N, C-alpha and C. Protein backbone atom coordinates (compact mmCIF):
# COMPACT_ATOMS: atom_id res chain seq x y z
N MET A 1 46.61 -72.77 7.80
CA MET A 1 45.78 -73.86 7.39
C MET A 1 46.62 -75.14 7.27
N GLN A 2 47.83 -75.01 6.75
CA GLN A 2 48.67 -76.19 6.59
C GLN A 2 48.98 -76.83 7.94
N ARG A 3 49.24 -76.04 8.95
CA ARG A 3 49.50 -76.59 10.29
C ARG A 3 48.24 -77.26 10.84
N PHE A 4 47.10 -76.63 10.61
CA PHE A 4 45.85 -77.21 11.08
C PHE A 4 45.59 -78.55 10.42
N VAL A 5 45.84 -78.65 9.12
CA VAL A 5 45.66 -79.91 8.41
C VAL A 5 46.50 -80.99 9.06
N GLY A 6 47.76 -80.68 9.32
CA GLY A 6 48.64 -81.67 9.93
C GLY A 6 48.18 -82.08 11.32
N ALA A 7 47.77 -81.12 12.11
CA ALA A 7 47.34 -81.42 13.47
C ALA A 7 46.03 -82.18 13.48
N ALA A 8 45.06 -81.74 12.72
CA ALA A 8 43.73 -82.35 12.76
C ALA A 8 43.72 -83.74 12.14
N LYS A 9 44.30 -83.85 10.99
CA LYS A 9 44.21 -85.12 10.25
C LYS A 9 45.30 -86.11 10.66
N VAL A 10 46.52 -85.67 10.74
CA VAL A 10 47.63 -86.58 10.98
C VAL A 10 47.82 -86.85 12.47
N LEU A 11 47.96 -85.81 13.27
CA LEU A 11 48.25 -86.00 14.69
C LEU A 11 47.05 -86.52 15.48
N HIS A 12 45.85 -86.05 15.15
CA HIS A 12 44.68 -86.40 15.94
C HIS A 12 43.72 -87.35 15.23
N SER A 13 44.02 -87.72 14.01
CA SER A 13 43.17 -88.63 13.23
C SER A 13 41.70 -88.22 13.25
N ALA A 14 41.44 -86.94 13.08
CA ALA A 14 40.08 -86.42 13.15
C ALA A 14 39.25 -86.92 11.97
N ASP A 15 38.01 -87.29 12.25
CA ASP A 15 37.07 -87.66 11.20
C ASP A 15 36.48 -86.41 10.56
N VAL A 16 36.27 -85.38 11.38
CA VAL A 16 35.72 -84.12 10.92
C VAL A 16 36.63 -83.01 11.39
N ALA A 17 37.00 -82.12 10.49
CA ALA A 17 37.85 -80.99 10.85
C ALA A 17 37.13 -79.70 10.49
N LEU A 18 36.98 -78.84 11.48
CA LEU A 18 36.26 -77.58 11.31
C LEU A 18 37.17 -76.46 11.78
N PHE A 19 37.45 -75.50 10.90
CA PHE A 19 38.31 -74.38 11.24
C PHE A 19 37.44 -73.13 11.29
N VAL A 20 37.35 -72.53 12.47
CA VAL A 20 36.52 -71.34 12.66
C VAL A 20 37.44 -70.16 12.90
N ALA A 21 37.20 -69.05 12.19
CA ALA A 21 38.04 -67.87 12.32
C ALA A 21 37.19 -66.61 12.38
N THR A 22 37.73 -65.59 13.00
CA THR A 22 37.03 -64.31 13.08
C THR A 22 37.41 -63.37 11.94
N SER A 23 38.16 -63.88 11.00
CA SER A 23 38.55 -63.08 9.84
C SER A 23 38.36 -63.93 8.58
N PRO A 24 38.35 -63.29 7.42
CA PRO A 24 38.20 -64.06 6.17
C PRO A 24 39.44 -64.93 5.92
N PHE A 25 39.24 -65.97 5.15
CA PHE A 25 40.35 -66.85 4.77
C PHE A 25 40.94 -66.38 3.44
N THR A 26 42.23 -66.56 3.28
CA THR A 26 42.86 -66.25 2.00
C THR A 26 42.44 -67.30 0.98
N SER A 27 42.59 -66.98 -0.29
CA SER A 27 42.23 -67.94 -1.33
C SER A 27 43.10 -69.19 -1.23
N GLN A 28 44.36 -69.02 -0.84
CA GLN A 28 45.24 -70.18 -0.68
C GLN A 28 44.76 -71.07 0.46
N ALA A 29 44.35 -70.47 1.58
CA ALA A 29 43.85 -71.26 2.70
C ALA A 29 42.57 -72.00 2.32
N LEU A 30 41.69 -71.33 1.56
CA LEU A 30 40.46 -71.98 1.12
C LEU A 30 40.76 -73.15 0.19
N SER A 31 41.76 -73.01 -0.66
CA SER A 31 42.14 -74.09 -1.57
C SER A 31 42.67 -75.29 -0.79
N ILE A 32 43.52 -75.02 0.18
CA ILE A 32 44.08 -76.11 1.01
C ILE A 32 42.95 -76.80 1.77
N ALA A 33 42.05 -76.03 2.32
CA ALA A 33 40.92 -76.60 3.06
C ALA A 33 40.08 -77.50 2.15
N ALA A 34 39.77 -77.01 0.96
CA ALA A 34 38.96 -77.79 0.02
C ALA A 34 39.66 -79.08 -0.38
N GLU A 35 40.96 -79.02 -0.62
CA GLU A 35 41.73 -80.19 -1.04
C GLU A 35 41.82 -81.24 0.05
N THR A 36 41.75 -80.82 1.30
CA THR A 36 41.96 -81.75 2.42
C THR A 36 40.68 -82.07 3.19
N GLY A 37 39.54 -81.57 2.71
CA GLY A 37 38.27 -81.90 3.34
C GLY A 37 37.98 -81.17 4.63
N ILE A 38 38.57 -79.99 4.81
CA ILE A 38 38.33 -79.20 6.01
C ILE A 38 37.22 -78.21 5.75
N THR A 39 36.28 -78.10 6.67
CA THR A 39 35.20 -77.12 6.58
C THR A 39 35.66 -75.83 7.23
N VAL A 40 35.52 -74.73 6.51
CA VAL A 40 35.92 -73.43 7.06
C VAL A 40 34.69 -72.59 7.36
N VAL A 41 34.72 -71.89 8.49
CA VAL A 41 33.64 -71.01 8.90
C VAL A 41 34.28 -69.68 9.26
N HIS A 42 33.92 -68.62 8.55
CA HIS A 42 34.51 -67.31 8.82
C HIS A 42 33.52 -66.43 9.57
N ARG A 43 33.97 -65.28 9.96
CA ARG A 43 33.20 -64.37 10.81
C ARG A 43 31.82 -64.05 10.24
N GLY A 44 31.74 -63.80 8.94
CA GLY A 44 30.46 -63.47 8.33
C GLY A 44 29.43 -64.56 8.53
N LEU A 45 29.86 -65.81 8.39
CA LEU A 45 28.94 -66.93 8.61
C LEU A 45 28.53 -67.03 10.07
N LEU A 46 29.47 -66.76 10.97
CA LEU A 46 29.13 -66.78 12.40
C LEU A 46 28.13 -65.68 12.75
N GLU A 47 28.28 -64.51 12.13
CA GLU A 47 27.34 -63.42 12.37
C GLU A 47 25.95 -63.79 11.88
N GLN A 48 25.87 -64.41 10.72
CA GLN A 48 24.57 -64.85 10.21
C GLN A 48 23.95 -65.89 11.15
N TRP A 49 24.76 -66.83 11.60
CA TRP A 49 24.28 -67.88 12.49
C TRP A 49 23.78 -67.30 13.81
N SER A 50 24.49 -66.30 14.33
CA SER A 50 24.07 -65.69 15.59
C SER A 50 22.78 -64.90 15.43
N ALA A 51 22.43 -64.56 14.18
CA ALA A 51 21.17 -63.88 13.89
C ALA A 51 20.08 -64.91 13.56
N GLU A 52 20.33 -66.14 13.97
CA GLU A 52 19.40 -67.26 13.84
C GLU A 52 19.18 -67.74 12.41
N GLU A 53 20.16 -67.50 11.55
CA GLU A 53 20.13 -68.10 10.21
C GLU A 53 20.85 -69.44 10.28
N PRO A 54 20.41 -70.43 9.51
CA PRO A 54 21.09 -71.72 9.52
C PRO A 54 22.54 -71.60 9.06
N LEU A 55 23.41 -72.36 9.67
CA LEU A 55 24.82 -72.38 9.27
C LEU A 55 24.98 -73.44 8.21
N GLU A 56 24.69 -73.07 6.96
CA GLU A 56 24.61 -74.01 5.85
C GLU A 56 25.91 -74.77 5.59
N VAL A 57 27.05 -74.17 5.92
CA VAL A 57 28.32 -74.82 5.67
C VAL A 57 28.44 -76.13 6.45
N LEU A 58 27.66 -76.27 7.52
CA LEU A 58 27.70 -77.50 8.32
C LEU A 58 26.60 -78.48 7.94
N ALA A 59 25.75 -78.11 7.03
CA ALA A 59 24.63 -79.00 6.64
C ALA A 59 25.09 -80.14 5.77
């Protein structure tokens, strides 16, 4: 997550940063994401979305 923060925010000056993973995030990664304004989407959310449920994390 720390590398992603540096690449997305600093190197690429991203307005929106979205990190999608096929596995759960550690509590430390979630904390870093929350502190830096990164939206995280894990496998469970992707499975729900593929079953035609709204992806609320992006709302």
